[in-house]
Protein backbone atom coordinates (compact mmCIF):
# COMPACT_ATOMS: atom_id res chain seq x y z
CA MET A 1 -36.27 -27.49 -12.78
CA LYS A 2 -34.37 -30.68 -12.09
CA SER A 3 -32.05 -32.24 -14.63
CA ALA A 4 -30.20 -35.53 -15.02
CA ILE A 5 -27.38 -36.82 -17.21
CA LEU A 6 -27.06 -40.31 -18.68
CA ALA A 7 -23.79 -41.46 -20.25
CA VAL A 8 -23.97 -44.58 -22.39
CA GLY A 9 -21.08 -46.84 -23.35
CA ASP A 10 -19.27 -49.99 -22.29
CA GLU A 11 -16.01 -48.05 -22.33
CA LEU A 12 -17.31 -45.95 -19.44
CA THR A 13 -18.67 -48.72 -17.23
CA CYS A 14 -15.58 -50.89 -17.82
CA GLY A 15 -13.26 -48.07 -16.78
CA TYR A 16 -11.43 -47.76 -20.10
CA ARG A 17 -12.45 -44.13 -20.54
CA LEU A 18 -13.21 -41.35 -18.07
CA ASP A 19 -16.68 -39.79 -18.37
CA THR A 20 -15.73 -36.14 -18.91
CA ASN A 21 -18.92 -35.47 -20.89
CA SER A 22 -21.14 -35.58 -17.81
CA GLN A 23 -18.95 -33.04 -16.02
CA PHE A 24 -19.07 -30.69 -19.01
CA ILE A 25 -22.84 -31.03 -19.41
CA ALA A 26 -23.50 -30.64 -15.67
CA ARG A 27 -21.63 -27.35 -15.45
CA HIS A 28 -23.72 -25.92 -18.27
CA LEU A 29 -27.00 -27.23 -16.89
CA THR A 30 -26.21 -25.76 -13.46
CA ALA A 31 -25.51 -22.37 -15.02
CA LEU A 32 -28.92 -22.20 -16.77
CA PRO A 33 -29.89 -22.68 -13.90
CA THR A 34 -31.26 -26.17 -13.31
CA GLU A 35 -30.65 -28.43 -10.35
CA VAL A 36 -28.59 -31.39 -11.52
CA VAL A 37 -29.83 -34.25 -9.35
CA LEU A 38 -28.43 -37.35 -11.01
CA HIS A 39 -25.50 -38.71 -13.05
CA LEU A 40 -25.83 -42.21 -14.47
CA ALA A 41 -23.54 -44.31 -16.64
CA VAL A 42 -24.65 -47.56 -18.25
CA GLY A 43 -23.17 -49.95 -20.77
CA ASP A 44 -24.40 -50.71 -24.28
CA ASP A 45 -27.28 -52.86 -23.12
CA MET A 46 -30.93 -52.25 -23.99
CA THR A 47 -32.29 -53.35 -20.62
CA ALA A 48 -29.75 -51.24 -18.71
CA ILE A 49 -30.47 -48.14 -20.81
CA GLN A 50 -34.23 -48.51 -20.41
CA ARG A 51 -33.87 -49.00 -16.66
CA ALA A 52 -31.67 -45.86 -16.49
CA LEU A 53 -34.26 -43.89 -18.46
CA ARG A 54 -36.93 -44.78 -15.91
CA VAL A 55 -34.73 -43.84 -12.97
CA ALA A 56 -33.57 -40.55 -14.52
CA LEU A 57 -37.01 -39.42 -15.69
CA ASP A 58 -38.56 -40.28 -12.34
CA ALA A 59 -36.05 -37.90 -10.74
CA ALA A 60 -35.77 -35.08 -13.27
CA ASP A 61 -37.66 -32.91 -15.75
CA ILE A 62 -34.70 -32.69 -18.15
CA LEU A 63 -32.46 -35.52 -19.31
CA VAL A 64 -29.37 -35.20 -21.48
CA ILE A 65 -28.05 -38.48 -22.87
CA SER A 66 -24.60 -38.76 -24.42
CA GLY A 67 -23.41 -41.81 -26.32
CA GLY A 68 -24.92 -44.84 -27.99
CA LEU A 69 -25.75 -43.10 -31.31
CA GLY A 70 -23.04 -44.68 -33.43
CA PRO A 71 -23.52 -46.93 -36.48
CA THR A 72 -22.76 -50.29 -34.84
CA GLU A 73 -24.97 -53.01 -33.41
CA ASP A 74 -24.21 -52.04 -29.80
CA ASP A 75 -25.36 -48.42 -30.22
CA LEU A 76 -28.82 -48.65 -28.70
CA THR A 77 -29.76 -45.21 -27.33
CA ARG A 78 -32.16 -44.27 -30.14
CA GLN A 79 -33.96 -47.63 -29.88
CA ALA A 80 -34.24 -47.39 -26.09
CA VAL A 81 -35.65 -43.84 -26.09
CA ALA A 82 -38.13 -44.68 -28.86
CA ALA A 83 -39.33 -47.71 -26.90
CA TYR A 84 -39.62 -45.72 -23.67
CA PHE A 85 -41.99 -43.22 -25.30
CA GLY A 86 -43.76 -45.86 -27.40
CA ARG A 87 -42.64 -44.44 -30.74
CA GLU A 88 -41.31 -45.86 -33.98
CA LEU A 89 -37.89 -44.96 -35.36
CA VAL A 90 -38.09 -42.98 -38.59
CA GLU A 91 -35.44 -41.87 -41.01
CA ASP A 92 -34.84 -38.14 -41.19
CA ALA A 93 -34.09 -37.12 -44.78
CA GLU A 94 -32.01 -34.07 -43.89
CA ALA A 95 -29.90 -36.03 -41.39
CA LEU A 96 -29.28 -38.73 -44.00
CA ALA A 97 -28.33 -36.15 -46.61
CA ARG A 98 -25.82 -34.63 -44.20
CA ILE A 99 -24.22 -38.03 -43.54
CA GLN A 100 -23.99 -38.77 -47.26
CA GLU A 101 -22.54 -35.34 -47.94
CA ARG A 102 -19.92 -35.83 -45.24
CA PHE A 103 -18.68 -39.06 -46.81
CA ALA A 104 -18.79 -37.57 -50.31
CA HIS A 105 -16.70 -34.61 -49.16
CA ARG A 106 -14.04 -37.08 -47.97
CA ARG A 107 -14.40 -39.03 -51.25
CA LEU A 108 -15.38 -42.16 -49.39
CA PRO A 109 -18.34 -44.50 -49.99
CA MET A 110 -20.87 -44.38 -47.15
CA PRO A 111 -21.16 -47.76 -45.39
CA GLN A 112 -24.77 -48.92 -45.17
CA SER A 113 -24.43 -49.14 -41.38
CA ASN A 114 -24.10 -45.34 -41.16
CA ARG A 115 -27.67 -44.98 -42.41
CA VAL A 116 -28.93 -45.94 -38.96
CA GLN A 117 -27.48 -42.66 -37.65
CA ALA A 118 -30.28 -40.80 -39.44
CA LEU A 119 -32.96 -42.66 -37.44
CA VAL A 120 -34.81 -40.73 -34.71
CA PRO A 121 -37.96 -41.39 -32.67
CA ALA A 122 -41.10 -40.33 -34.54
CA GLY A 123 -42.23 -36.82 -33.60
CA SER A 124 -38.86 -35.78 -32.18
CA THR A 125 -36.85 -32.76 -33.22
CA VAL A 126 -33.59 -33.59 -34.96
CA ILE A 127 -30.41 -32.07 -33.53
CA GLN A 128 -28.13 -31.70 -36.53
CA ASN A 129 -24.51 -32.64 -36.05
CA ASP A 130 -22.12 -30.25 -37.80
CA ARG A 131 -19.07 -32.06 -36.40
CA GLY A 132 -19.85 -35.71 -37.13
CA THR A 133 -22.26 -38.17 -38.72
CA ALA A 134 -24.71 -39.09 -35.94
CA ALA A 135 -27.82 -36.95 -35.66
CA GLY A 136 -29.12 -36.21 -32.19
CA PHE A 137 -32.75 -35.72 -31.24
CA TYR A 138 -35.01 -33.95 -28.75
CA VAL A 139 -38.21 -35.50 -27.39
CA GLU A 140 -40.71 -33.42 -25.42
CA ALA A 141 -43.39 -35.63 -23.89
CA MET A 142 -45.15 -36.30 -20.59
CA GLY A 143 -43.74 -33.06 -19.17
CA LYS A 144 -40.18 -34.27 -19.81
CA HIS A 145 -37.43 -32.91 -22.03
CA VAL A 146 -35.06 -35.57 -23.35
CA PHE A 147 -32.01 -34.77 -25.47
CA ALA A 148 -29.82 -37.47 -27.02
CA ILE A 149 -26.45 -36.57 -28.54
CA PRO A 150 -23.29 -38.48 -29.51
CA GLY A 151 -20.63 -39.29 -26.94
CA VAL A 152 -17.69 -37.94 -28.94
CA PRO A 153 -16.76 -34.88 -26.82
CA TYR A 154 -16.17 -32.52 -29.77
CA GLU A 155 -19.54 -33.41 -31.29
CA MET A 156 -21.33 -33.38 -27.92
CA GLU A 157 -20.04 -29.90 -27.09
CA GLY A 158 -21.16 -28.44 -30.42
CA MET A 159 -24.68 -29.87 -30.13
CA LEU A 160 -25.03 -28.89 -26.46
CA GLU A 161 -24.05 -25.29 -27.12
CA GLY A 162 -25.76 -24.98 -30.51
CA PHE A 163 -29.13 -26.56 -29.72
CA ILE A 164 -29.69 -27.91 -26.22
CA LEU A 165 -28.75 -24.86 -24.15
CA PRO A 166 -30.71 -22.35 -26.29
CA ARG A 167 -33.78 -24.62 -26.13
CA LEU A 168 -33.46 -25.09 -22.38
CA ARG A 169 -33.17 -21.35 -21.80
CA GLN A 170 -36.65 -21.13 -23.27
CA VAL A 171 -37.86 -24.04 -21.15
CA VAL A 172 -36.35 -22.87 -17.87
CA GLY A 173 -37.44 -19.29 -18.47
CA ALA A 174 -35.75 -15.94 -18.54
CA GLY A 175 -35.14 -13.65 -15.60
CA LEU A 176 -32.84 -15.89 -13.61
CA HIS A 177 -29.12 -15.22 -13.30
CA VAL A 178 -26.43 -17.56 -12.04
CA GLN A 179 -22.98 -16.67 -10.76
CA ARG A 180 -20.29 -19.12 -9.69
CA ALA A 181 -17.17 -18.61 -7.61
CA ALA A 182 -14.60 -21.01 -6.22
CA LEU A 183 -12.05 -20.87 -3.42
CA LYS A 184 -9.01 -23.15 -3.30
CA VAL A 185 -8.11 -24.18 0.25
CA TYR A 186 -4.95 -26.00 1.36
CA GLY A 187 -3.76 -27.16 4.78
CA LEU A 188 -7.07 -28.35 6.22
CA PRO A 189 -8.66 -31.77 5.65
CA GLU A 190 -12.09 -31.82 4.06
CA SER A 191 -13.73 -32.65 7.40
CA ALA A 192 -12.14 -29.60 9.05
CA VAL A 193 -13.26 -27.33 6.22
CA ASN A 194 -16.74 -28.79 6.59
CA GLU A 195 -16.83 -28.04 10.32
CA ARG A 196 -15.64 -24.46 9.87
CA ILE A 197 -18.18 -23.55 7.20
CA LYS A 198 -20.99 -25.95 8.14
CA PRO A 199 -23.80 -23.34 8.30
CA LEU A 200 -23.01 -22.29 4.72
CA LEU A 201 -23.30 -25.88 3.45
CA ALA A 202 -26.98 -26.30 4.34
CA ARG A 203 -28.92 -27.83 1.46
CA GLY A 204 -31.52 -25.60 -0.10
CA ARG A 205 -29.84 -22.31 0.75
CA ASN A 206 -28.86 -19.75 -1.86
CA PRO A 207 -25.98 -19.70 -2.67
CA LEU A 208 -25.42 -23.44 -2.79
CA LEU A 209 -21.94 -24.52 -1.64
CA GLY A 210 -20.07 -27.74 -2.30
CA LEU A 211 -16.65 -29.21 -1.44
CA LEU A 212 -14.35 -30.96 -3.91
CA PRO A 213 -11.09 -32.45 -2.54
CA VAL A 214 -8.22 -33.19 -4.94
CA ARG A 215 -4.83 -34.23 -3.51
CA GLY A 216 -5.00 -32.05 -0.44
CA THR A 217 -6.56 -29.01 -2.09
CA ILE A 218 -10.21 -28.46 -1.20
CA THR A 219 -12.25 -26.46 -3.71
CA VAL A 220 -15.18 -24.64 -2.13
CA GLU A 221 -17.61 -23.96 -4.94
CA ILE A 222 -20.30 -21.29 -4.64
CA VAL A 223 -23.29 -21.14 -7.01
CA ALA A 224 -25.79 -18.30 -6.50
CA THR A 225 -29.07 -17.64 -8.30
CA GLY A 226 -30.83 -14.29 -8.41
CA LYS A 227 -33.34 -12.22 -10.34
CA THR A 228 -30.72 -9.68 -11.40
CA PRO A 229 -26.97 -9.81 -11.95
CA ALA A 230 -26.48 -7.39 -9.05
CA GLU A 231 -28.54 -9.53 -6.67
CA THR A 232 -26.65 -12.66 -7.70
CA ARG A 233 -23.27 -10.98 -7.34
CA ALA A 234 -24.20 -9.69 -3.88
CA LEU A 235 -25.09 -13.22 -2.72
CA VAL A 236 -21.73 -14.54 -3.92
CA GLU A 237 -19.78 -11.69 -2.35
CA ALA A 238 -21.50 -12.19 1.01
CA ASP A 239 -20.47 -15.84 1.10
CA LEU A 240 -16.96 -15.04 -0.06
CA ALA A 241 -16.59 -12.57 2.78
CA ALA A 242 -17.81 -15.16 5.28
CA LEU A 243 -15.44 -17.79 3.91
CA ARG A 244 -12.46 -15.42 4.13
CA THR A 245 -13.20 -14.95 7.81
CA LEU A 246 -13.71 -18.67 8.48
CA LEU A 247 -10.77 -20.02 6.47
CA GLY A 248 -8.21 -17.19 6.61
CA SER A 249 -4.72 -18.04 5.39
CA TYR A 250 -5.79 -21.53 4.35
CA ILE A 251 -7.31 -19.91 1.25
CA VAL A 252 -4.90 -20.36 -1.63
CA SER A 253 -6.85 -18.56 -4.36
CA GLU A 254 -10.27 -17.18 -5.25
CA ASP A 255 -9.89 -17.37 -9.02
CA GLU A 256 -9.38 -21.08 -9.80
CA ARG A 257 -5.56 -20.87 -9.70
CA GLU A 258 -3.86 -23.99 -8.38
CA LEU A 259 -0.90 -24.00 -5.99
CA PRO A 260 1.88 -23.90 -8.66
CA GLN A 261 0.42 -20.82 -10.33
CA VAL A 262 -0.29 -19.14 -7.00
CA VAL A 263 3.32 -19.63 -5.87
CA ALA A 264 4.65 -18.48 -9.25
CA ASP A 265 2.55 -15.31 -9.11
CA LEU A 266 3.71 -14.58 -5.56
CA LEU A 267 7.37 -14.98 -6.55
CA VAL A 268 6.96 -12.67 -9.55
CA ALA A 269 5.03 -10.08 -7.53
CA ARG A 270 7.75 -9.96 -4.86
CA GLY A 271 10.66 -10.26 -7.26
CA LEU A 272 11.91 -13.49 -5.68
CA THR A 273 13.80 -16.42 -7.17
CA ILE A 274 13.87 -20.01 -5.95
CA ALA A 275 15.97 -23.18 -6.14
CA THR A 276 15.33 -26.70 -4.87
CA ALA A 277 17.17 -29.75 -3.60
CA GLU A 278 14.95 -32.84 -3.33
CA VAL A 279 15.36 -36.41 -2.18
CA GLY A 280 11.97 -37.89 -1.28
CA THR A 281 9.97 -36.00 -3.90
CA ALA A 282 12.37 -36.94 -6.73
CA GLY A 283 12.18 -33.53 -8.40
CA LEU A 284 8.39 -33.12 -8.26
CA VAL A 285 8.61 -29.77 -6.46
CA ALA A 286 10.79 -28.44 -9.29
CA VAL A 287 8.32 -29.85 -11.81
CA ARG A 288 5.46 -28.03 -10.09
CA LEU A 289 7.45 -24.77 -9.92
CA THR A 290 8.31 -24.86 -13.61
CA GLY A 291 4.80 -25.75 -14.77
CA PRO A 292 3.49 -22.18 -15.09
CA ALA A 293 4.59 -20.20 -18.14
CA GLY A 294 7.63 -17.97 -17.73
CA SER A 295 9.28 -20.04 -15.01
CA GLU A 296 12.72 -18.77 -16.06
CA ARG A 297 11.83 -15.57 -14.19
CA TRP A 298 11.71 -17.26 -10.78
CA PHE A 299 13.24 -20.73 -10.99
CA ARG A 300 17.02 -20.84 -10.65
CA GLY A 301 17.65 -24.57 -10.57
CA GLY A 302 16.76 -27.92 -9.05
CA ASN A 303 18.81 -30.80 -7.78
CA VAL A 304 17.60 -34.34 -7.15
CA ALA A 305 19.86 -35.70 -4.43
CA GLY A 306 20.45 -39.41 -3.99
CA THR A 307 20.73 -39.46 -0.21
CA ALA A 308 20.43 -37.09 2.72
CA SER A 309 19.75 -37.19 6.44
CA ALA A 310 16.10 -36.95 7.35
CA GLY A 311 15.81 -34.42 10.18
CA GLU A 312 14.54 -30.84 10.10
CA GLY A 313 18.02 -29.49 10.83
CA GLU A 314 19.50 -31.37 7.90
CA MET A 315 16.73 -30.08 5.65
CA ALA A 316 17.46 -26.51 6.70
CA ALA A 317 21.07 -27.07 5.65
CA LEU A 318 19.91 -28.59 2.37
CA ALA A 319 17.66 -25.59 1.70
CA LEU A 320 20.54 -23.21 2.44
CA ALA A 321 22.83 -25.17 0.11
CA ALA A 322 20.26 -25.03 -2.71
CA GLN A 323 19.83 -21.30 -2.20
CA ALA A 324 23.57 -20.61 -2.18
CA ALA A 325 24.42 -22.83 -5.15
CA ALA A 326 21.89 -21.14 -7.41
CA LEU A 327 22.23 -17.61 -5.95
CA ALA A 328 18.47 -17.64 -5.33
CA ASP A 329 16.40 -15.74 -2.79
CA ILE A 330 14.69 -18.92 -1.62
CA GLY A 331 16.11 -22.39 -1.10
CA VAL A 332 13.95 -25.46 -0.64
CA GLY A 333 15.21 -28.72 0.86
CA VAL A 334 13.15 -31.90 0.83
CA GLY A 335 14.36 -34.94 2.71
CA PRO A 336 14.05 -38.65 2.02
CA LEU A 337 10.73 -40.41 2.22
CA ILE A 338 10.57 -42.41 5.43
CA VAL A 339 8.28 -45.42 5.71
CA PRO A 340 7.73 -46.05 9.46
CA GLU A 341 7.74 -49.57 10.86
CA ASP A 342 4.00 -49.47 11.58
CA SER A 343 3.21 -48.73 7.93
CA THR A 344 1.61 -51.81 6.35
CA PRO A 345 0.56 -52.67 2.77
CA ALA A 346 -3.03 -52.48 3.95
CA ARG A 347 -2.55 -49.06 5.60
CA PRO A 348 0.59 -47.50 4.14
CA TYR A 349 1.85 -44.07 5.08
CA GLY A 350 5.05 -42.11 4.85
CA LEU A 351 6.65 -39.03 6.28
CA LEU A 352 9.36 -36.61 5.25
CA HIS A 353 10.88 -33.33 6.38
CA ALA A 354 11.19 -30.16 4.34
CA ALA A 355 12.62 -26.71 4.91
CA VAL A 356 12.45 -23.32 3.22
CA ASN A 357 15.13 -20.65 3.56
CA LEU A 358 13.98 -17.21 2.49
CA ARG A 359 16.96 -14.83 2.65
CA GLY A 360 18.10 -16.34 5.93
CA ARG A 361 14.69 -16.93 7.51
CA GLU A 362 14.31 -20.69 7.98
CA THR A 363 11.06 -22.65 8.27
CA ALA A 364 11.00 -26.45 8.64
CA ARG A 365 8.09 -28.90 8.73
CA GLU A 366 7.38 -32.61 9.02
CA PHE A 367 4.70 -34.00 6.71
CA ARG A 368 2.78 -37.28 7.05
CA PHE A 369 0.58 -38.71 4.33
CA ASN A 370 -1.35 -41.93 3.86
CA GLY A 371 -0.69 -43.95 0.74
CA ASP A 372 2.09 -45.75 -1.07
CA ARG A 373 5.40 -44.19 -2.07
CA LEU A 374 4.16 -42.60 -5.31
CA VAL A 375 1.04 -41.16 -3.67
CA VAL A 376 3.04 -39.71 -0.78
CA ARG A 377 5.45 -38.05 -3.20
CA GLU A 378 2.59 -36.34 -5.05
CA TRP A 379 0.98 -35.08 -1.85
CA ALA A 380 4.31 -34.02 -0.38
CA ALA A 381 5.24 -31.95 -3.44
CA ASP A 382 2.05 -29.91 -3.02
CA ALA A 383 2.65 -29.58 0.72
CA VAL A 384 6.11 -28.17 0.09
CA LEU A 385 4.71 -25.69 -2.42
CA ASN A 386 2.21 -24.55 0.17
CA LEU A 387 5.03 -24.14 2.69
CA VAL A 388 6.76 -21.86 0.18
CA ARG A 389 3.51 -19.91 -0.22
CA LEU A 390 3.16 -19.39 3.51
CA CYS A 391 6.79 -18.33 3.91
CA VAL A 392 6.53 -15.80 1.10
CA CYS A 393 3.28 -14.40 2.50
CA GLU A 394 4.65 -13.87 6.02
């Protein structure tokens, strides 16, 4: 079955708040499994919500709506859904009693405006809210399954897990199993990853693969569906084996770990310690290295230098100095950020040099990244971490 998600709220469309609800809901809908075909976000406007309902229900069998169920005049989800299905809004006695009880427990008078939160479309099933005041509701009509729940993440999560997912498991049917896996890849642009694994990215195949780039790291996500857990697991393992062959040492992890944790685990496993001296990254490499818990086991110290020469040879000396000063197994030197003359405000880019010294074995690289100074620093810090990873794995 196909599903869609509709997020309602001016705070989302105006950019004041990130829509994390849709991501959370989508992951759970995918795991049922359903095919999530659409994400929509609209403001608190009756016409916009009704238009979104038409678009979503034309595309999907299942629609989960979050937001627009508050007590204020701009909370219009319940009115829009009722109008879409041609139903009146009715007051649910149990939902009202729960709202009144919640205010009484806090020894507060219930504002009259909160009474609207007990209104649901006639004939719908009420989704009780154990974490807040607004009741949700479920409408099954015209072959569609529509769920409306509040936009407060804590409340949304409770109602999704307590009511929506159990009901949808009945709707979707038993006997299907879903397994997900994810590879983290670093050192190849998204287009290069796409070219290497293109046959596995064909739409409609099982497993279904997708690419998600975040600051240089490409997540290759695998979602397989099968009639038994063993069948599903076999599909995932077959694609994982193919990806290992196609991507090789560019694979950072197969268990959701990001670069800092991967490097930390490698250092612990090999009994290595590390120290840094940074100019262009302003201490960000040290920040990344000390992010994972227990960093005192591998991190021996970091220095943010004011100036340094920019070449690979100078960075090798800086790495050696960091290693010697901290009595570490590994020294990392990161040079100043250089903004070339052909970098423009419209198309900015920067470059820097870095070096790693692992017990006398030196490796130096030049890195180039598009973006302004702050963006280049962020990307460069990850690139240096990956250089450490590669040196340790040699």
